[in-house]
């Protein structure tokens, strides 16, 4: 896999999930067995905004040449996805998320490994 491919994949993942997080987080999380209160729904919407930022960074940075800027993008994306994976696993193993919620973990795992190859 090359750098441009993983960047485009991450941009597409963010494009798919940001409107869900911004507009229908309650319904989305209910599929994973999680009921959101007002505070959690607010945080889910803020997360949707971060997905927009990630999407734009990945899309406009997909052609970055090897160097400091590209390395900074890779480092950011790797740790972002690694922390997301850890969070999903914690919530899955403590019983908060159902098996559908574990699907998010697989997405984070794929992206963390993909960006990890460029560290």
C-alpha atoms as a PDB file:
ATOM      1  CA  UNK A   1       0.000   0.000   0.000  1.00  0.00           C
ATOM      2  CA  UNK A   2       1.356   3.429  -0.809  1.00  0.00           C
ATOM      3  CA  UNK A   3       0.974   6.664   1.120  1.00  0.00           C
ATOM      4  CA  UNK A   4      -1.604   8.185  -1.210  1.00  0.00           C
ATOM      5  CA  UNK A   5      -3.828   5.099  -0.971  1.00  0.00           C
ATOM      6  CA  UNK A   6      -3.988   5.066   2.844  1.00  0.00           C
ATOM      7  CA  UNK A   7      -4.632   8.812   2.876  1.00  0.00           C
ATOM      8  CA  UNK A   8      -7.529   8.466   0.418  1.00  0.00           C
ATOM      9  CA  UNK A   9      -8.975   5.524   2.369  1.00  0.00           C
ATOM     10  CA  UNK A  10      -8.883   7.519   5.608  1.00  0.00           C
ATOM     11  CA  UNK A  11     -10.440  10.539   3.875  1.00  0.00           C
ATOM     12  CA  UNK A  12     -13.283   8.344   2.585  1.00  0.00           C
ATOM     13  CA  UNK A  13     -13.850   6.776   6.021  1.00  0.00           C
ATOM     14  CA  UNK A  14     -14.056  10.273   7.525  1.00  0.00           C
ATOM     15  CA  UNK A  15     -16.381  11.401   4.726  1.00  0.00           C
ATOM     16  CA  UNK A  16     -18.744   8.519   5.491  1.00  0.00           C
ATOM     17  CA  UNK A  17     -18.784   8.949   9.265  1.00  0.00           C
ATOM     18  CA  UNK A  18     -18.673  12.727   9.818  1.00  0.00           C
ATOM     19  CA  UNK A  19     -22.289  13.403   8.761  1.00  0.00           C
ATOM     20  CA  UNK A  20     -23.458  10.480  10.897  1.00  0.00           C
ATOM     21  CA  UNK A  21     -21.653  11.882  13.930  1.00  0.00           C
ATOM     22  CA  UNK A  22     -22.869  15.421  13.264  1.00  0.00           C
ATOM     23  CA  UNK A  23     -26.516  14.703  12.517  1.00  0.00           C
ATOM     24  CA  UNK A  24     -27.619  11.299  13.850  1.00  0.00           C
ATOM     25  CA  UNK A  25     -25.204  10.143  16.569  1.00  0.00           C
ATOM     26  CA  UNK A  26     -28.014   8.822  18.805  1.00  0.00           C
ATOM     27  CA  UNK A  27     -29.328   6.475  16.143  1.00  0.00           C
ATOM     28  CA  UNK A  28     -25.844   5.367  15.085  1.00  0.00           C
ATOM     29  CA  UNK A  29     -24.675   4.540  18.587  1.00  0.00           C
ATOM     30  CA  UNK A  30     -27.934   2.765  19.413  1.00  0.00           C
ATOM     31  CA  UNK A  31     -27.000   0.216  16.718  1.00  0.00           C
ATOM     32  CA  UNK A  32     -23.872  -0.506  18.775  1.00  0.00           C
ATOM     33  CA  UNK A  33     -25.840  -0.879  21.983  1.00  0.00           C
ATOM     34  CA  UNK A  34     -25.018   2.546  23.417  1.00  0.00           C
ATOM     35  CA  UNK A  35     -27.605   5.096  24.541  1.00  0.00           C
ATOM     36  CA  UNK A  36     -26.298   8.644  24.414  1.00  0.00           C
ATOM     37  CA  UNK A  37     -27.351  11.340  26.841  1.00  0.00           C
ATOM     38  CA  UNK A  38     -27.260  15.024  25.902  1.00  0.00           C
ATOM     39  CA  UNK A  39     -23.613  15.392  26.909  1.00  0.00           C
ATOM     40  CA  UNK A  40     -22.479  12.341  24.979  1.00  0.00           C
ATOM     41  CA  UNK A  41     -24.444  13.417  21.902  1.00  0.00           C
ATOM     42  CA  UNK A  42     -22.706  16.790  22.089  1.00  0.00           C
ATOM     43  CA  UNK A  43     -19.294  15.092  22.250  1.00  0.00           C
ATOM     44  CA  UNK A  44     -20.229  12.817  19.337  1.00  0.00           C
ATOM     45  CA  UNK A  45     -21.039  15.904  17.280  1.00  0.00           C
ATOM     46  CA  UNK A  46     -17.721  17.490  18.234  1.00  0.00           C
ATOM     47  CA  UNK A  47     -16.070  14.245  17.121  1.00  0.00           C
ATOM     48  CA  UNK A  48     -17.877  14.662  13.797  1.00  0.00           C
ATOM     49  CA  UNK A  49     -16.161  18.021  13.445  1.00  0.00           C
ATOM     50  CA  UNK A  50     -12.776  16.408  14.083  1.00  0.00           C
ATOM     51  CA  UNK A  51     -13.564  13.911  11.343  1.00  0.00           C
ATOM     52  CA  UNK A  52     -14.039  16.799   8.924  1.00  0.00           C
ATOM     53  CA  UNK A  53     -10.596  18.078   9.896  1.00  0.00           C
ATOM     54  CA  UNK A  54      -9.064  14.632   9.448  1.00  0.00           C
ATOM     55  CA  UNK A  55     -10.799  14.201   6.105  1.00  0.00           C
ATOM     56  CA  UNK A  56      -9.464  17.512   4.804  1.00  0.00           C
ATOM     57  CA  UNK A  57      -5.951  16.825   6.110  1.00  0.00           C
ATOM     58  CA  UNK A  58      -5.866  13.416   4.456  1.00  0.00           C
ATOM     59  CA  UNK A  59      -7.380  14.540   1.185  1.00  0.00           C
ATOM     60  CA  UNK A  60      -5.228  17.642   0.719  1.00  0.00           C
ATOM     61  CA  UNK A  61      -2.126  15.954   2.137  1.00  0.00           C
ATOM     62  CA  UNK A  62      -2.387  12.807   0.031  1.00  0.00           C
ATOM     63  CA  UNK A  63       0.292  14.005  -2.392  1.00  0.00           C
ATOM     64  CA  UNK A  64       2.780  15.123   0.263  1.00  0.00           C
ATOM     65  CA  UNK A  65       6.355  14.249  -0.601  1.00  0.00           C
ATOM     66  CA  UNK A  66       8.608  12.474   1.860  1.00  0.00           C
ATOM     67  CA  UNK A  67       9.806  14.935   4.448  1.00  0.00           C
ATOM     68  CA  UNK A  68       8.838  16.621   7.703  1.00  0.00           C
ATOM     69  CA  UNK A  69       5.279  17.507   6.707  1.00  0.00           C
ATOM     70  CA  UNK A  70       4.464  13.997   5.536  1.00  0.00           C
ATOM     71  CA  UNK A  71       6.066  12.484   8.629  1.00  0.00           C
ATOM     72  CA  UNK A  72       3.995  14.785  10.861  1.00  0.00           C
ATOM     73  CA  UNK A  73       0.803  13.706   9.071  1.00  0.00           C
ATOM     74  CA  UNK A  74       1.720  10.027   9.420  1.00  0.00           C
ATOM     75  CA  UNK A  75       2.588  10.391  13.105  1.00  0.00           C
ATOM     76  CA  UNK A  76      -0.664  12.226  13.809  1.00  0.00           C
ATOM     77  CA  UNK A  77      -2.813   9.717  11.909  1.00  0.00           C
ATOM     78  CA  UNK A  78      -1.056   6.712  13.443  1.00  0.00           C
ATOM     79  CA  UNK A  79      -1.549   7.833  17.036  1.00  0.00           C
ATOM     80  CA  UNK A  80      -5.087   9.072  16.363  1.00  0.00           C
ATOM     81  CA  UNK A  81      -6.105   5.673  15.009  1.00  0.00           C
ATOM     82  CA  UNK A  82      -4.147   3.720  17.635  1.00  0.00           C
ATOM     83  CA  UNK A  83      -5.851   5.624  20.461  1.00  0.00           C
ATOM     84  CA  UNK A  84      -9.219   5.124  18.747  1.00  0.00           C
ATOM     85  CA  UNK A  85      -8.540   1.380  18.577  1.00  0.00           C
ATOM     86  CA  UNK A  86      -7.624   1.232  22.261  1.00  0.00           C
ATOM     87  CA  UNK A  87     -10.764   3.168  23.221  1.00  0.00           C
ATOM     88  CA  UNK A  88     -13.006   0.855  21.192  1.00  0.00           C
ATOM     89  CA  UNK A  89     -11.397  -2.227  22.736  1.00  0.00           C
ATOM     90  CA  UNK A  90     -11.830  -0.868  26.257  1.00  0.00           C
ATOM     91  CA  UNK A  91     -15.516  -0.155  25.671  1.00  0.00           C
ATOM     92  CA  UNK A  92     -16.044  -3.487  23.930  1.00  0.00           C
ATOM     93  CA  UNK A  93     -14.413  -5.567  26.664  1.00  0.00           C
ATOM     94  CA  UNK A  94     -16.189  -3.728  29.484  1.00  0.00           C
ATOM     95  CA  UNK A  95     -19.521  -4.496  27.808  1.00  0.00           C
ATOM     96  CA  UNK A  96     -20.458  -1.005  26.660  1.00  0.00           C
ATOM     97  CA  UNK A  97     -20.255  -1.808  22.927  1.00  0.00           C
ATOM     98  CA  UNK A  98     -21.815  -4.798  21.209  1.00  0.00           C
ATOM     99  CA  UNK A  99     -20.101  -6.761  18.442  1.00  0.00           C
ATOM    100  CA  UNK A 100     -21.236  -4.234  15.817  1.00  0.00           C
ATOM    101  CA  UNK A 101     -19.316  -1.597  17.758  1.00  0.00           C
ATOM    102  CA  UNK A 102     -16.213  -3.734  17.365  1.00  0.00           C
ATOM    103  CA  UNK A 103     -16.401  -2.951  13.647  1.00  0.00           C
ATOM    104  CA  UNK A 104     -15.107   0.527  14.461  1.00  0.00           C
ATOM    105  CA  UNK A 105     -12.142  -1.187  16.085  1.00  0.00           C
ATOM    106  CA  UNK A 106     -11.348  -3.004  12.863  1.00  0.00           C
ATOM    107  CA  UNK A 107     -11.392   0.274  10.952  1.00  0.00           C
ATOM    108  CA  UNK A 108      -9.043   1.850  13.495  1.00  0.00           C
ATOM    109  CA  UNK A 109      -6.796  -1.227  13.393  1.00  0.00           C
ATOM    110  CA  UNK A 110      -6.575  -1.143   9.598  1.00  0.00           C
ATOM    111  CA  UNK A 111      -5.736   2.563   9.571  1.00  0.00           C
ATOM    112  CA  UNK A 112      -3.240   2.331  12.445  1.00  0.00           C
ATOM    113  CA  UNK A 113      -1.384  -0.496  10.718  1.00  0.00           C
ATOM    114  CA  UNK A 114      -1.560   1.337   7.395  1.00  0.00           C
ATOM    115  CA  UNK A 115      -0.068   4.520   8.819  1.00  0.00           C
ATOM    116  CA  UNK A 116       2.321   2.533  11.009  1.00  0.00           C
ATOM    117  CA  UNK A 117       3.961   1.196   7.855  1.00  0.00           C
ATOM    118  CA  UNK A 118       5.079   4.749   7.066  1.00  0.00           C
ATOM    119  CA  UNK A 119       6.615   5.549  10.472  1.00  0.00           C
END
